[in-house]
Amino acid sequence: MQVKNKQLKKWILHPVLITLVTVGAIACQSTVSSSPTNQAIATEVNSLEKSTSKPVAQNQGTYRSDRYHFRFSYSPKDFIIDNQISTPRNNIDAPLAAIDIWTKQHAQKIRAGAYEGGTEYPANVQVAVYNNPRKLSLQKWIQQSNQFTVSRDFKPGRIAGQTGLKFQSSGLYEHENVAFISPKDSRIIVVSLAKNGSNNDAIYRKVYQQVVNSFAFLNK
């Protein structure tokens, strides 16, 4: 009778052991097979992050001057650079080149003749290139230039890897400026933000900061 009981227990335990082994094997297989899935998800997330960054880059416009060896970025969605539009200026100490940056609304009004007849152009952002034949220091050159009357508040500033000068100036409008010397040809470059106390000041400050932060000299 005892022998029969032992045999019965063996027959009962044997299927239980088989079941446990089978369940364990399935669990191991599911764990192994899940690894490629996680890797695939990670890859998809990485590629998604890369793809979402592309529209941001496409929203950036680049102005490039091969003649003066520099470039900078701006937002073509909100601003425009038109070589046919430039701020009126006298010939005394006039820049070799001046790149004016306008909002699209201001550019449209200028083209339509809204500022003809002596009406002053709106305050805007400008990148100007000047000669410095006497090789004056930045501060001396600024103080003797007729382009920057009542210049003041000189502070050192970095732009395009160069040490320049930040300063304020007054005239028709109040200006914030940063001046620096081009390592390519020793000319002086000045990025200026004109302000007239209107709501447009904050709009133009946006592109002014963008130009200052992205300004770079060309390698060639």
C-alpha atoms as a PDB file:
ATOM      1  CA  MET A   1       0.000   0.000   0.000  1.00  0.00           C
ATOM      2  CA  GLN A   2       2.857   2.381   0.841  1.00  0.00           C
ATOM      3  CA  VAL A   3       4.563   1.558  -2.453  1.00  0.00           C
ATOM      4  CA  LYS A   4       1.471   2.465  -4.424  1.00  0.00           C
ATOM      5  CA  ASN A   5       1.192   5.807  -2.589  1.00  0.00           C
ATOM      6  CA  LYS A   6       4.819   6.678  -3.465  1.00  0.00           C
ATOM      7  CA  GLN A   7       4.227   5.896  -7.120  1.00  0.00           C
ATOM      8  CA  LEU A   8       1.094   8.014  -7.113  1.00  0.00           C
ATOM      9  CA  LYS A   9       2.972  10.969  -5.644  1.00  0.00           C
ATOM     10  CA  LYS A  10       5.643  10.630  -8.371  1.00  0.00           C
ATOM     11  CA  TRP A  11       3.000  10.726 -11.082  1.00  0.00           C
ATOM     12  CA  ILE A  12       1.402  13.830  -9.524  1.00  0.00           C
ATOM     13  CA  LEU A  13       4.704  15.722  -9.014  1.00  0.00           C
ATOM     14  CA  HIS A  14       6.024  14.917 -12.477  1.00  0.00           C
ATOM     15  CA  PRO A  15       3.369  16.975 -14.396  1.00  0.00           C
ATOM     16  CA  VAL A  16       3.802  19.847 -11.894  1.00  0.00           C
ATOM     17  CA  LEU A  17       7.558  19.964 -12.506  1.00  0.00           C
ATOM     18  CA  ILE A  18       7.011  19.915 -16.267  1.00  0.00           C
ATOM     19  CA  THR A  19       4.578  22.828 -15.956  1.00  0.00           C
ATOM     20  CA  LEU A  20       7.012  24.887 -13.867  1.00  0.00           C
ATOM     21  CA  VAL A  21       9.844  24.270 -16.307  1.00  0.00           C
ATOM     22  CA  THR A  22       7.640  25.226 -19.256  1.00  0.00           C
ATOM     23  CA  VAL A  23       6.472  28.461 -17.602  1.00  0.00           C
ATOM     24  CA  GLY A  24      10.051  29.388 -16.780  1.00  0.00           C
ATOM     25  CA  ALA A  25      11.171  28.811 -20.341  1.00  0.00           C
ATOM     26  CA  ILE A  26       8.355  30.985 -21.711  1.00  0.00           C
ATOM     27  CA  ALA A  27       9.250  33.761 -19.285  1.00  0.00           C
ATOM     28  CA  CYS A  28      12.886  33.685 -20.381  1.00  0.00           C
ATOM     29  CA  GLN A  29      11.928  33.789 -24.041  1.00  0.00           C
ATOM     30  CA  SER A  30       9.632  36.766 -23.493  1.00  0.00           C
ATOM     31  CA  THR A  31      12.394  38.610 -21.633  1.00  0.00           C
ATOM     32  CA  VAL A  32      14.906  38.048 -24.411  1.00  0.00           C
ATOM     33  CA  SER A  33      12.468  38.968 -27.159  1.00  0.00           C
ATOM     34  CA  SER A  34      11.556  42.238 -25.409  1.00  0.00           C
ATOM     35  CA  SER A  35      15.082  43.633 -25.674  1.00  0.00           C
ATOM     36  CA  PRO A  36      14.988  44.299 -29.442  1.00  0.00           C
ATOM     37  CA  THR A  37      11.614  45.974 -28.970  1.00  0.00           C
ATOM     38  CA  ASN A  38      13.046  48.392 -26.400  1.00  0.00           C
ATOM     39  CA  GLN A  39      15.958  49.140 -28.683  1.00  0.00           C
ATOM     40  CA  ALA A  40      13.573  49.839 -31.545  1.00  0.00           C
ATOM     41  CA  ILE A  41      11.557  52.230 -29.364  1.00  0.00           C
ATOM     42  CA  ALA A  42      14.714  54.061 -28.319  1.00  0.00           C
ATOM     43  CA  THR A  43      15.764  54.381 -31.940  1.00  0.00           C
ATOM     44  CA  GLU A  44      12.384  55.782 -32.880  1.00  0.00           C
ATOM     45  CA  VAL A  45      12.541  58.349 -30.100  1.00  0.00           C
ATOM     46  CA  ASN A  46      16.022  59.462 -31.146  1.00  0.00           C
ATOM     47  CA  SER A  47      15.019  59.807 -34.768  1.00  0.00           C
ATOM     48  CA  LEU A  48      11.914  61.719 -33.714  1.00  0.00           C
ATOM     49  CA  GLU A  49      14.013  64.178 -31.728  1.00  0.00           C
ATOM     50  CA  LYS A  50      16.250  64.721 -34.755  1.00  0.00           C
ATOM     51  CA  SER A  51      13.307  65.248 -37.050  1.00  0.00           C
ATOM     52  CA  THR A  52      11.651  67.788 -34.749  1.00  0.00           C
ATOM     53  CA  SER A  53      14.797  69.891 -34.759  1.00  0.00           C
ATOM     54  CA  LYS A  54      14.776  70.258 -38.558  1.00  0.00           C
ATOM     55  CA  PRO A  55      11.871  72.738 -38.793  1.00  0.00           C
ATOM     56  CA  VAL A  56      13.653  74.986 -36.296  1.00  0.00           C
ATOM     57  CA  ALA A  57      16.751  75.114 -38.521  1.00  0.00           C
ATOM     58  CA  GLN A  58      14.599  75.716 -41.612  1.00  0.00           C
ATOM     59  CA  ASN A  59      13.042  78.748 -39.912  1.00  0.00           C
ATOM     60  CA  GLN A  60      16.456  80.407 -39.742  1.00  0.00           C
ATOM     61  CA  GLY A  61      17.588  82.589 -42.619  1.00  0.00           C
ATOM     62  CA  THR A  62      21.274  83.364 -43.194  1.00  0.00           C
ATOM     63  CA  TYR A  63      22.739  86.547 -44.589  1.00  0.00           C
ATOM     64  CA  ARG A  64      26.198  86.009 -46.067  1.00  0.00           C
ATOM     65  CA  SER A  65      28.700  88.565 -47.334  1.00  0.00           C
ATOM     66  CA  ASP A  66      31.566  87.049 -49.287  1.00  0.00           C
ATOM     67  CA  ARG A  67      33.006  90.514 -49.829  1.00  0.00           C
ATOM     68  CA  TYR A  68      33.322  91.283 -46.128  1.00  0.00           C
ATOM     69  CA  HIS A  69      33.691  87.679 -45.000  1.00  0.00           C
ATOM     70  CA  PHE A  70      30.871  87.293 -42.490  1.00  0.00           C
ATOM     71  CA  ARG A  71      27.434  85.805 -41.984  1.00  0.00           C
ATOM     72  CA  PHE A  72      24.624  85.975 -39.460  1.00  0.00           C
ATOM     73  CA  SER A  73      21.195  84.475 -38.907  1.00  0.00           C
ATOM     74  CA  TYR A  74      17.757  86.052 -38.705  1.00  0.00           C
ATOM     75  CA  SER A  75      14.135  84.943 -38.896  1.00  0.00           C
ATOM     76  CA  PRO A  76      12.777  85.360 -42.465  1.00  0.00           C
ATOM     77  CA  LYS A  77       9.299  84.696 -41.122  1.00  0.00           C
ATOM     78  CA  ASP A  78       9.287  88.027 -39.288  1.00  0.00           C
ATOM     79  CA  PHE A  79      12.091  90.094 -40.870  1.00  0.00           C
ATOM     80  CA  ILE A  80      13.466  90.944 -44.271  1.00  0.00           C
ATOM     81  CA  ILE A  81      16.781  92.114 -45.718  1.00  0.00           C
ATOM     82  CA  ASP A  82      16.327  94.016 -48.950  1.00  0.00           C
ATOM     83  CA  ASN A  83      19.401  95.528 -50.605  1.00  0.00           C
ATOM     84  CA  GLN A  84      17.130  97.995 -52.401  1.00  0.00           C
ATOM     85  CA  ILE A  85      16.037  99.482 -49.068  1.00  0.00           C
ATOM     86  CA  SER A  86      18.498 101.370 -46.885  1.00  0.00           C
ATOM     87  CA  THR A  87      18.278 104.082 -44.262  1.00  0.00           C
ATOM     88  CA  PRO A  88      19.048 107.592 -45.542  1.00  0.00           C
ATOM     89  CA  ARG A  89      22.427 108.864 -44.263  1.00  0.00           C
ATOM     90  CA  ASN A  90      24.939 111.587 -44.918  1.00  0.00           C
ATOM     91  CA  ASN A  91      28.219 111.024 -46.699  1.00  0.00           C
ATOM     92  CA  ILE A  92      30.375 111.976 -43.712  1.00  0.00           C
ATOM     93  CA  ASP A  93      31.865 108.811 -42.239  1.00  0.00           C
ATOM     94  CA  ALA A  94      29.398 106.798 -44.302  1.00  0.00           C
ATOM     95  CA  PRO A  95      29.889 103.033 -44.013  1.00  0.00           C
ATOM     96  CA  LEU A  96      31.335 100.944 -46.809  1.00  0.00           C
ATOM     97  CA  ALA A  97      28.282  98.731 -46.516  1.00  0.00           C
ATOM     98  CA  ALA A  98      25.129  98.790 -44.419  1.00  0.00           C
ATOM     99  CA  ILE A  99      22.710  95.896 -44.102  1.00  0.00           C
ATOM    100  CA  ASP A 100      19.346  97.048 -42.791  1.00  0.00           C
ATOM    101  CA  ILE A 101      16.963  94.552 -41.235  1.00  0.00           C
ATOM    102  CA  TRP A 102      13.264  95.441 -41.273  1.00  0.00           C
ATOM    103  CA  THR A 103      10.022  93.881 -40.180  1.00  0.00           C
ATOM    104  CA  LYS A 104       7.986  92.825 -43.184  1.00  0.00           C
ATOM    105  CA  GLN A 105       5.387  95.488 -42.353  1.00  0.00           C
ATOM    106  CA  HIS A 106       7.978  98.297 -42.346  1.00  0.00           C
ATOM    107  CA  ALA A 107       9.588  97.043 -45.549  1.00  0.00           C
ATOM    108  CA  GLN A 108       6.211  97.023 -47.274  1.00  0.00           C
ATOM    109  CA  LYS A 109       5.505 100.606 -46.198  1.00  0.00           C
ATOM    110  CA  ILE A 110       8.944 101.808 -47.339  1.00  0.00           C
ATOM    111  CA  ARG A 111       8.466 100.205 -50.752  1.00  0.00           C
ATOM    112  CA  ALA A 112       5.029 101.812 -51.016  1.00  0.00           C
ATOM    113  CA  GLY A 113       6.561 105.258 -50.454  1.00  0.00           C
ATOM    114  CA  ALA A 114       5.093 105.867 -47.009  1.00  0.00           C
ATOM    115  CA  TYR A 115       8.304 107.578 -45.845  1.00  0.00           C
ATOM    116  CA  GLU A 116       8.985 109.724 -48.887  1.00  0.00           C
ATOM    117  CA  GLY A 117       9.127 113.490 -48.615  1.00  0.00           C
ATOM    118  CA  GLY A 118      11.471 113.671 -45.652  1.00  0.00           C
ATOM    119  CA  THR A 119       9.619 111.433 -43.221  1.00  0.00           C
ATOM    120  CA  GLU A 120      12.096 109.590 -41.039  1.00  0.00           C
ATOM    121  CA  TYR A 121      12.429 105.868 -41.550  1.00  0.00           C
ATOM    122  CA  PRO A 122      11.408 103.586 -38.684  1.00  0.00           C
ATOM    123  CA  ALA A 123      13.965 102.546 -36.086  1.00  0.00           C
ATOM    124  CA  ASN A 124      15.474  99.209 -37.089  1.00  0.00           C
ATOM    125  CA  VAL A 125      18.552  96.973 -36.845  1.00  0.00           C
ATOM    126  CA  GLN A 126      21.631  97.577 -38.945  1.00  0.00           C
ATOM    127  CA  VAL A 127      24.963  95.856 -39.565  1.00  0.00           C
ATOM    128  CA  ALA A 128      27.507  98.340 -40.927  1.00  0.00           C
ATOM    129  CA  VAL A 129      31.104  98.002 -42.127  1.00  0.00           C
ATOM    130  CA  TYR A 130      33.540 100.917 -41.796  1.00  0.00           C
ATOM    131  CA  ASN A 131      37.118 101.680 -42.769  1.00  0.00           C
ATOM    132  CA  ASN A 132      39.603 102.635 -40.066  1.00  0.00           C
ATOM    133  CA  PRO A 133      42.558 104.014 -42.054  1.00  0.00           C
ATOM    134  CA  ARG A 134      44.205 105.637 -39.026  1.00  0.00           C
ATOM    135  CA  LYS A 135      44.046 102.359 -37.069  1.00  0.00           C
ATOM    136  CA  LEU A 136      42.369 104.019 -34.113  1.00  0.00           C
ATOM    137  CA  SER A 137      41.278 101.979 -31.116  1.00  0.00           C
ATOM    138  CA  LEU A 138      37.607 101.087 -31.110  1.00  0.00           C
ATOM    139  CA  GLN A 139      36.634 103.653 -28.486  1.00  0.00           C
ATOM    140  CA  LYS A 140      38.592 106.490 -30.123  1.00  0.00           C
ATOM    141  CA  TRP A 141      37.186 105.633 -33.543  1.00  0.00           C
ATOM    142  CA  ILE A 142      33.620 105.621 -32.169  1.00  0.00           C
ATOM    143  CA  GLN A 143      34.078 108.917 -30.316  1.00  0.00           C
ATOM    144  CA  GLN A 144      35.422 110.747 -33.367  1.00  0.00           C
ATOM    145  CA  SER A 145      32.839 109.296 -35.781  1.00  0.00           C
ATOM    146  CA  ASN A 146      29.887 111.449 -36.866  1.00  0.00           C
ATOM    147  CA  GLN A 147      27.797 108.289 -37.061  1.00  0.00           C
ATOM    148  CA  PHE A 148      27.612 107.939 -33.279  1.00  0.00           C
ATOM    149  CA  THR A 149      26.851 111.218 -31.548  1.00  0.00           C
ATOM    150  CA  VAL A 150      26.853 111.372 -27.755  1.00  0.00           C
ATOM    151  CA  SER A 151      28.404 107.913 -27.419  1.00  0.00           C
ATOM    152  CA  ARG A 152      28.662 106.637 -23.830  1.00  0.00           C
ATOM    153  CA  ASP A 153      28.531 103.661 -21.449  1.00  0.00           C
ATOM    154  CA  PHE A 154      31.382 101.745 -23.050  1.00  0.00           C
ATOM    155  CA  LYS A 155      31.684  98.145 -21.914  1.00  0.00           C
ATOM    156  CA  PRO A 156      33.683  95.207 -23.266  1.00  0.00           C
ATOM    157  CA  GLY A 157      31.684  92.587 -25.142  1.00  0.00           C
ATOM    158  CA  ARG A 158      32.318  89.368 -27.043  1.00  0.00           C
ATOM    159  CA  ILE A 159      30.986  88.704 -30.522  1.00  0.00           C
ATOM    160  CA  ALA A 160      32.113  86.201 -33.171  1.00  0.00           C
ATOM    161  CA  GLY A 161      35.035  85.229 -30.970  1.00  0.00           C
ATOM    162  CA  GLN A 162      36.292  88.818 -30.897  1.00  0.00           C
ATOM    163  CA  THR A 163      36.537  91.271 -28.021  1.00  0.00           C
ATOM    164  CA  GLY A 164      34.586  94.382 -28.898  1.00  0.00           C
ATOM    165  CA  LEU A 165      32.794  97.291 -27.255  1.00  0.00           C
ATOM    166  CA  LYS A 166      29.169  97.653 -26.312  1.00  0.00           C
ATOM    167  CA  PHE A 167      28.005 101.254 -26.095  1.00  0.00           C
ATOM    168  CA  GLN A 168      24.995 103.558 -26.215  1.00  0.00           C
ATOM    169  CA  SER A 169      24.597 106.487 -28.589  1.00  0.00           C
ATOM    170  CA  SER A 170      22.022 109.193 -29.195  1.00  0.00           C
ATOM    171  CA  GLY A 171      20.839 110.924 -32.322  1.00  0.00           C
ATOM    172  CA  LEU A 172      17.570 110.744 -34.180  1.00  0.00           C
ATOM    173  CA  TYR A 173      16.966 107.589 -32.145  1.00  0.00           C
ATOM    174  CA  GLU A 174      18.563 106.030 -29.114  1.00  0.00           C
ATOM    175  CA  HIS A 175      20.914 103.198 -30.086  1.00  0.00           C
ATOM    176  CA  GLU A 176      22.419 100.131 -28.532  1.00  0.00           C
ATOM    177  CA  ASN A 177      25.563  99.129 -30.393  1.00  0.00           C
ATOM    178  CA  VAL A 178      28.308  96.555 -30.404  1.00  0.00           C
ATOM    179  CA  ALA A 179      31.489  97.331 -32.357  1.00  0.00           C
ATOM    180  CA  PHE A 180      34.375  95.020 -33.159  1.00  0.00           C
ATOM    181  CA  ILE A 181      37.256  94.646 -35.585  1.00  0.00           C
ATOM    182  CA  SER A 182      37.188  92.104 -38.402  1.00  0.00           C
ATOM    183  CA  PRO A 183      40.208  89.774 -38.210  1.00  0.00           C
ATOM    184  CA  LYS A 184      40.000  89.380 -41.983  1.00  0.00           C
ATOM    185  CA  ASP A 185      40.669  92.967 -43.048  1.00  0.00           C
ATOM    186  CA  SER A 186      40.859  95.118 -39.859  1.00  0.00           C
ATOM    187  CA  ARG A 187      37.660  96.927 -40.787  1.00  0.00           C
ATOM    188  CA  ILE A 188      35.240  97.910 -38.043  1.00  0.00           C
ATOM    189  CA  ILE A 189      31.821  96.278 -37.902  1.00  0.00           C
ATOM    190  CA  VAL A 190      28.990  97.753 -35.859  1.00  0.00           C
ATOM    191  CA  VAL A 191      25.683  96.045 -35.094  1.00  0.00           C
ATOM    192  CA  SER A 192      23.106  98.628 -33.991  1.00  0.00           C
ATOM    193  CA  LEU A 193      19.616  98.529 -32.522  1.00  0.00           C
ATOM    194  CA  ALA A 194      17.712 101.792 -32.973  1.00  0.00           C
ATOM    195  CA  LYS A 195      14.926 102.517 -30.483  1.00  0.00           C
ATOM    196  CA  ASN A 196      12.131 105.097 -30.529  1.00  0.00           C
ATOM    197  CA  GLY A 197      10.123 104.045 -27.482  1.00  0.00           C
ATOM    198  CA  SER A 198       7.408 102.223 -29.471  1.00  0.00           C
ATOM    199  CA  ASN A 199       6.230  98.628 -29.344  1.00  0.00           C
ATOM    200  CA  ASN A 200       8.549  97.917 -32.253  1.00  0.00           C
ATOM    201  CA  ASP A 201      11.577  98.205 -29.945  1.00  0.00           C
ATOM    202  CA  ALA A 202      10.918  94.752 -28.438  1.00  0.00           C
ATOM    203  CA  ILE A 203      10.347  93.263 -31.900  1.00  0.00           C
ATOM    204  CA  TYR A 204      13.631  94.586 -33.286  1.00  0.00           C
ATOM    205  CA  ARG A 205      15.509  93.638 -30.119  1.00  0.00           C
ATOM    206  CA  LYS A 206      14.661  90.032 -30.953  1.00  0.00           C
ATOM    207  CA  VAL A 207      16.521  90.120 -34.265  1.00  0.00           C
ATOM    208  CA  TYR A 208      19.316  92.286 -32.802  1.00  0.00           C
ATOM    209  CA  GLN A 209      20.107  89.565 -30.267  1.00  0.00           C
ATOM    210  CA  GLN A 210      19.829  86.929 -32.952  1.00  0.00           C
ATOM    211  CA  VAL A 211      22.355  88.722 -35.180  1.00  0.00           C
ATOM    212  CA  VAL A 212      24.801  89.318 -32.308  1.00  0.00           C
ATOM    213  CA  ASN A 213      24.566  85.703 -31.108  1.00  0.00           C
ATOM    214  CA  SER A 214      24.950  84.143 -34.570  1.00  0.00           C
ATOM    215  CA  PHE A 215      27.480  86.514 -36.147  1.00  0.00           C
ATOM    216  CA  ALA A 216      30.493  84.620 -37.503  1.00  0.00           C
ATOM    217  CA  PHE A 217      33.386  85.219 -39.866  1.00  0.00           C
ATOM    218  CA  LEU A 218      33.798  83.044 -42.934  1.00  0.00           C
ATOM    219  CA  ASN A 219      36.799  80.771 -43.159  1.00  0.00           C
ATOM    220  CA  LYS A 220      37.437  81.624 -46.782  1.00  0.00           C
END
